[in-house]
Amino acid sequence: MAGLLVTVAWSLPGAVMHPAVAEPASLQLGGDKPIDVVSEGGFEFHEKEKVAIARGGASATQGDMTLKAETLAAYFRETANGGNEIYRLAADGNVEIRGKEQTAYGARGVYDVDRGVAVLTGGDLRLVTETDVVTAKDSLEFWRQQNLAVARGDAVAVRDDNRIRADRLVGLLEDKADGGQEMTRIDADGNVVVTTPSEVARGDRGTYDINKKLAILTGNVKITRGQNQLNGKAAEVNLDTGISRLLSTAPGGGGAAKPGGDDRVRGLFIPQSNTQNQPAQGTSQGAKQP
């Protein structure tokens, strides 16, 4: 294997060998936002590929974000002033990304330093905050500069007894006064399902204002409560009160129906059976019932 095995503090340019010690190795590469990579087992430095590989458990920290994994590869490049900087991190095995107040988990991960985008894949994809849990089957993305979390593939967001499921969920994270972050809005796209303790609402697209606990669904909307169902163009679901309103047009859509269009709201109500009104055994079927 080409390169050097570094067991303690290592910096670029140049690599310095020291006797093995019990302390973890640390790699710091600069740029506008330096990245500090720490490894319990040291680094393998591949000069030709310009990559440092840490095995046996490693972490990379940049500002308020920390990436942990069993194996971590840091790809670096030369800067205009002759220094070096990390531009890509590739993680494998029990990957964990910690932000201000959220943690994402996956089997594999890639962090694009230039774009500030981290993408997790593999089984058991989860994004956990103080109040919400978001899961996905295909990928979880964290866009640092835009403060966005994106879940793709049968994505589900859960808070208390309420949940939103869709092909894609985009969560907006906002800074709090105490320096932390909270998810304030979720945009859903594709096969959207909003589930509350009393009903299920479906649509093509949806927006959920988390602070107001208000979800707006549009496109082929269906609201099901028990055996009853309402169909329409749009719906407003209040996850706090449990009250839903079916709308003939989407909020902000102009309000007027299109000429020749059908914007009527339809409902299917199935009454409960009433055995008291059924004819008794032996009653003539020809008798007129009240």
Protein backbone atom coordinates (compact mmCIF):
# COMPACT_ATOMS: atom_id res chain seq x y z
CA MET A 1 0.00 0.00 0.00
CA ALA A 2 1.44 3.28 -1.12
CA GLY A 3 1.87 6.13 1.27
CA LEU A 4 2.40 6.44 4.98
CA LEU A 5 0.69 5.10 8.07
CA VAL A 6 0.40 7.98 10.51
CA THR A 7 -0.36 7.09 14.10
CA VAL A 8 -0.40 10.50 15.77
CA ALA A 9 -0.83 14.18 14.87
CA TRP A 10 -0.54 14.64 11.11
CA SER A 11 -0.66 17.87 9.12
CA LEU A 12 -0.15 18.93 5.54
CA PRO A 13 2.03 19.71 3.70
CA GLY A 14 4.33 16.91 4.80
CA ALA A 15 3.73 14.01 7.14
CA VAL A 16 5.60 13.37 10.38
CA MET A 17 6.00 9.94 11.93
CA HIS A 18 6.04 9.56 15.71
CA PRO A 19 6.13 6.52 17.96
CA ALA A 20 2.74 4.93 18.44
CA VAL A 21 0.81 6.24 21.41
CA ALA A 22 -2.63 5.60 22.84
CA GLU A 23 -3.91 9.01 21.81
CA PRO A 24 -6.02 9.32 18.64
CA ALA A 25 -4.52 10.80 15.48
CA SER A 26 -5.69 14.19 14.29
CA LEU A 27 -5.66 15.66 10.79
CA GLN A 28 -6.45 19.34 10.26
CA LEU A 29 -6.88 20.76 6.79
CA GLY A 30 -7.67 24.41 6.24
CA GLY A 31 -9.76 26.52 3.97
CA ASP A 32 -12.36 29.07 4.93
CA LYS A 33 -13.79 26.54 7.39
CA PRO A 34 -11.12 24.11 8.64
CA ILE A 35 -12.03 20.43 9.04
CA ASP A 36 -10.60 18.45 11.93
CA VAL A 37 -10.46 14.67 11.36
CA VAL A 38 -9.73 12.45 14.36
CA SER A 39 -9.06 8.70 14.13
CA GLU A 40 -8.49 6.11 16.85
CA GLY A 41 -6.44 3.93 14.50
CA GLY A 42 -4.44 6.55 12.58
CA PHE A 43 -4.43 7.36 8.87
CA GLU A 44 -3.35 5.78 5.61
CA PHE A 45 -2.04 8.54 3.37
CA HIS A 46 -2.23 7.88 -0.40
CA GLU A 47 -0.24 10.65 -2.04
CA LYS A 48 -1.15 9.81 -5.64
CA GLU A 49 -4.91 9.80 -4.96
CA LYS A 50 -4.57 12.63 -2.42
CA VAL A 51 -6.69 10.88 0.15
CA ALA A 52 -6.27 10.10 3.83
CA ILE A 53 -8.16 7.02 5.06
CA ALA A 54 -9.01 6.52 8.71
CA ARG A 55 -10.17 3.10 9.91
CA GLY A 56 -11.41 1.69 13.19
CA GLY A 57 -13.65 4.65 14.01
CA ALA A 58 -13.16 8.26 12.97
CA SER A 59 -14.87 11.65 13.11
CA ALA A 60 -14.65 14.84 11.04
CA THR A 61 -15.78 18.17 12.48
CA GLN A 62 -16.45 21.42 10.64
CA GLY A 63 -18.07 24.16 12.68
CA ASP A 64 -21.23 22.78 14.31
CA MET A 65 -21.34 19.60 12.19
CA THR A 66 -19.63 16.31 13.04
CA LEU A 67 -19.47 13.24 10.78
CA LYS A 68 -18.65 9.87 12.39
CA ALA A 69 -18.13 6.46 10.79
CA GLU A 70 -16.18 3.21 11.08
CA THR A 71 -14.16 4.17 7.99
CA LEU A 72 -13.64 7.73 6.80
CA ALA A 73 -11.83 8.88 3.65
CA ALA A 74 -10.82 12.54 3.38
CA TYR A 75 -10.02 13.74 -0.16
CA PHE A 76 -7.91 16.88 -0.32
CA ARG A 77 -6.47 19.26 -2.93
CA GLU A 78 -3.87 21.96 -3.12
CA THR A 79 -4.94 25.57 -2.69
CA ALA A 80 -3.69 28.66 -4.52
CA ASN A 81 -1.39 29.58 -1.64
CA GLY A 82 0.26 26.16 -1.60
CA GLY A 83 -1.75 24.73 1.27
CA ASN A 84 -4.21 21.84 1.31
CA GLU A 85 -7.92 21.57 1.99
CA ILE A 86 -10.49 18.77 2.20
CA TYR A 87 -13.17 18.95 -0.46
CA ARG A 88 -14.91 15.57 0.02
CA LEU A 89 -15.52 13.11 2.84
CA ALA A 90 -16.67 9.53 2.21
CA ALA A 91 -17.92 7.55 5.20
CA ASP A 92 -18.81 3.87 5.54
CA GLY A 93 -20.23 1.83 8.41
CA ASN A 94 -22.58 3.15 11.13
CA VAL A 95 -22.47 6.68 9.76
CA GLU A 96 -23.72 9.46 12.02
CA ILE A 97 -24.02 13.16 11.23
CA ARG A 98 -24.65 15.53 14.14
CA GLY A 99 -25.79 19.11 13.65
CA LYS A 100 -26.91 21.74 16.15
CA GLU A 101 -29.95 19.81 17.39
CA GLN A 102 -30.43 17.00 14.90
CA THR A 103 -28.70 13.70 14.20
CA ALA A 104 -28.89 11.66 10.99
CA TYR A 105 -28.01 7.96 10.70
CA GLY A 106 -27.19 5.70 7.73
CA ALA A 107 -24.90 2.93 6.49
CA ARG A 108 -22.90 5.13 4.10
CA GLY A 109 -22.42 8.85 3.62
CA VAL A 110 -20.76 11.45 1.39
CA TYR A 111 -20.14 15.07 2.34
CA ASP A 112 -19.48 17.58 -0.45
CA VAL A 113 -17.60 20.33 1.35
CA ASP A 114 -17.87 22.90 -1.47
CA ARG A 115 -21.65 22.61 -1.68
CA GLY A 116 -22.20 21.91 2.02
CA VAL A 117 -24.33 18.86 1.19
CA ALA A 118 -24.25 15.56 3.09
CA VAL A 119 -26.03 12.50 1.63
CA LEU A 120 -26.72 9.32 3.61
CA THR A 121 -27.76 5.99 2.08
CA GLY A 122 -28.21 2.41 3.22
CA GLY A 123 -30.57 0.81 5.70
CA ASP A 124 -32.26 2.40 8.72
CA LEU A 125 -32.05 5.98 7.43
CA ARG A 126 -33.19 8.34 10.19
CA LEU A 127 -33.11 12.04 11.03
CA VAL A 128 -33.87 12.66 14.70
CA THR A 129 -34.59 16.01 16.33
CA GLU A 130 -35.96 16.87 19.77
CA THR A 131 -39.56 16.61 18.53
CA ASP A 132 -39.48 14.86 15.14
CA VAL A 133 -38.29 11.63 13.54
CA VAL A 134 -37.87 11.45 9.75
CA THR A 135 -37.17 8.15 8.00
CA ALA A 136 -36.57 7.22 4.34
CA LYS A 137 -35.67 4.23 2.17
CA ASP A 138 -33.54 5.79 -0.59
CA SER A 139 -31.54 8.66 0.91
CA LEU A 140 -31.33 11.41 3.50
CA GLU A 141 -29.75 14.74 2.55
CA PHE A 142 -28.66 17.67 4.68
CA TRP A 143 -28.08 20.99 2.88
CA ARG A 144 -26.13 23.13 5.38
CA GLN A 145 -26.20 26.45 3.53
CA GLN A 146 -29.94 26.24 2.82
CA ASN A 147 -30.81 24.67 6.20
CA LEU A 148 -32.77 21.91 4.46
CA ALA A 149 -33.21 18.21 5.21
CA VAL A 150 -34.45 16.06 2.32
CA ALA A 151 -35.81 12.51 2.69
CA ARG A 152 -36.39 10.44 -0.47
CA GLY A 153 -38.21 7.15 -1.01
CA ASP A 154 -41.24 6.31 1.17
CA ALA A 155 -40.28 9.19 3.47
CA VAL A 156 -42.12 9.55 6.79
CA ALA A 157 -42.09 12.38 9.33
CA VAL A 158 -43.55 11.64 12.77
CA ARG A 159 -44.41 13.97 15.62
CA ASP A 160 -46.51 12.64 18.51
CA ASP A 161 -49.58 10.87 17.01
CA ASN A 162 -49.37 12.63 13.65
CA ARG A 163 -47.40 11.57 10.59
CA ILE A 164 -46.76 12.67 7.02
CA ARG A 165 -45.72 10.18 4.35
CA ALA A 166 -44.64 11.00 0.77
CA ASP A 167 -42.23 10.06 -1.99
CA ARG A 168 -40.14 13.08 -0.97
CA LEU A 169 -40.13 15.25 2.14
CA VAL A 170 -38.22 18.52 2.45
CA GLY A 171 -37.84 19.91 5.97
CA LEU A 172 -36.89 23.53 6.64
CA LEU A 173 -34.62 24.08 9.66
CA GLU A 174 -34.50 27.51 11.29
CA ASP A 175 -32.15 28.90 13.93
CA LYS A 176 -33.56 29.51 17.40
CA ALA A 177 -32.75 32.32 19.80
CA ASP A 178 -30.70 29.96 22.01
CA GLY A 179 -28.44 29.04 19.08
CA GLY A 180 -30.11 25.71 18.29
CA GLN A 181 -32.29 24.72 15.35
CA GLU A 182 -35.82 23.46 14.87
CA MET A 183 -37.82 22.12 11.95
CA THR A 184 -40.56 24.62 11.11
CA ARG A 185 -41.99 23.42 7.79
CA ILE A 186 -42.23 20.24 5.73
CA ASP A 187 -42.98 20.20 2.00
CA ALA A 188 -44.24 16.87 0.67
CA ASP A 189 -44.41 15.67 -2.92
CA GLY A 190 -45.84 12.49 -4.45
CA ASN A 191 -48.42 10.17 -2.84
CA VAL A 192 -48.79 12.38 0.22
CA VAL A 193 -50.60 10.87 3.22
CA VAL A 194 -51.34 12.81 6.42
CA THR A 195 -52.45 10.59 9.29
CA THR A 196 -54.03 11.83 12.53
CA PRO A 197 -55.73 9.85 15.31
CA SER A 198 -59.15 10.51 13.72
CA GLU A 199 -58.63 10.59 9.93
CA VAL A 200 -56.40 10.06 6.91
CA ALA A 201 -55.91 12.73 4.22
CA ARG A 202 -54.29 12.03 0.84
CA GLY A 203 -53.10 14.27 -2.00
CA ASP A 204 -50.45 14.76 -4.67
CA ARG A 205 -48.61 17.53 -2.81
CA GLY A 206 -48.62 19.03 0.66
CA THR A 207 -47.15 21.69 2.94
CA TYR A 208 -47.11 21.33 6.73
CA ASP A 209 -46.57 24.37 8.95
CA ILE A 210 -45.24 22.69 12.07
CA ASN A 211 -45.67 25.65 14.44
CA LYS A 212 -49.30 26.18 13.38
CA LYS A 213 -49.87 22.39 13.08
CA LEU A 214 -51.62 23.08 9.79
CA ALA A 215 -51.26 20.95 6.65
CA ILE A 216 -52.43 22.03 3.19
CA LEU A 217 -52.96 19.26 0.60
CA THR A 218 -53.55 19.79 -3.12
CA GLY A 219 -54.20 17.54 -6.09
CA ASN A 220 -56.68 14.61 -6.01
CA VAL A 221 -57.40 15.14 -2.33
CA LYS A 222 -59.26 12.50 -0.34
CA ILE A 223 -60.13 12.71 3.35
CA THR A 224 -61.24 9.49 5.04
CA ARG A 225 -62.80 9.35 8.49
CA GLY A 226 -64.12 5.92 9.38
CA GLN A 227 -66.23 4.78 6.40
CA ASN A 228 -66.87 8.32 5.18
CA GLN A 229 -64.83 9.96 2.44
CA LEU A 230 -64.60 13.48 1.02
CA ASN A 231 -62.98 14.28 -2.34
CA GLY A 232 -61.85 17.66 -3.66
CA LYS A 233 -59.13 19.84 -5.15
CA ALA A 234 -57.52 20.87 -1.87
CA ALA A 235 -57.82 20.42 1.87
CA GLU A 236 -56.75 22.10 5.09
CA VAL A 237 -55.96 19.68 7.91
CA ASN A 238 -55.51 21.05 11.43
CA LEU A 239 -53.44 18.48 13.29
CA ASP A 240 -54.00 20.30 16.59
CA THR A 241 -57.82 20.44 16.63
CA GLY A 242 -58.41 17.43 14.38
CA ILE A 243 -60.69 19.55 12.17
CA SER A 244 -60.29 19.33 8.39
CA ARG A 245 -61.79 21.51 5.66
CA LEU A 246 -62.19 20.35 2.09
CA LEU A 247 -61.71 23.22 -0.36
CA SER A 248 -62.86 23.65 -3.95
CA THR A 249 -59.61 25.50 -4.82
CA ALA A 250 -56.16 25.57 -3.28
CA PRO A 251 -55.40 28.51 -0.93
CA GLY A 252 -53.82 31.34 -2.89
CA GLY A 253 -54.92 29.83 -6.18
CA GLY A 254 -57.19 32.72 -7.16
CA GLY A 255 -60.38 31.23 -5.73
CA ALA A 256 -62.33 31.28 -8.98
CA ALA A 257 -63.26 28.05 -10.72
CA LYS A 258 -61.94 27.49 -14.22
CA PRO A 259 -64.51 27.77 -17.04
CA GLY A 260 -65.82 24.34 -17.90
CA GLY A 261 -64.00 22.80 -14.96
CA ASP A 262 -65.47 20.76 -12.15
CA ASP A 263 -64.40 22.18 -8.80
CA ARG A 264 -67.24 20.69 -6.79
CA VAL A 265 -66.55 18.97 -3.50
CA ARG A 266 -67.90 15.43 -3.26
CA GLY A 267 -68.61 13.30 -0.24
CA LEU A 268 -69.45 9.65 0.33
CA PHE A 269 -71.21 9.04 3.64
CA ILE A 270 -72.05 5.50 4.74
CA PRO A 271 -74.59 5.44 7.59
CA GLN A 272 -74.18 2.95 10.36
CA SER A 273 -76.57 0.01 10.23
CA ASN A 274 -79.59 0.32 12.53
CA THR A 275 -80.88 -3.08 13.51
CA GLN A 276 -83.91 -1.52 15.20
CA ASN A 277 -85.31 -0.51 11.80
CA GLN A 278 -84.88 -3.96 10.27
CA PRO A 279 -88.04 -6.09 9.83
CA ALA A 280 -88.49 -8.76 12.46
CA GLN A 281 -88.41 -12.42 11.55
CA GLY A 282 -91.72 -13.50 10.03
CA THR A 283 -92.78 -9.98 9.01
CA SER A 284 -94.41 -9.94 5.62
CA GLN A 285 -92.07 -8.44 3.04
CA GLY A 286 -95.05 -6.99 1.26
CA ALA A 287 -96.00 -4.80 4.24
CA LYS A 288 -95.08 -1.16 3.83
CA GLN A 289 -92.35 -0.19 6.26
CA PRO A 290 -92.36 3.27 7.86
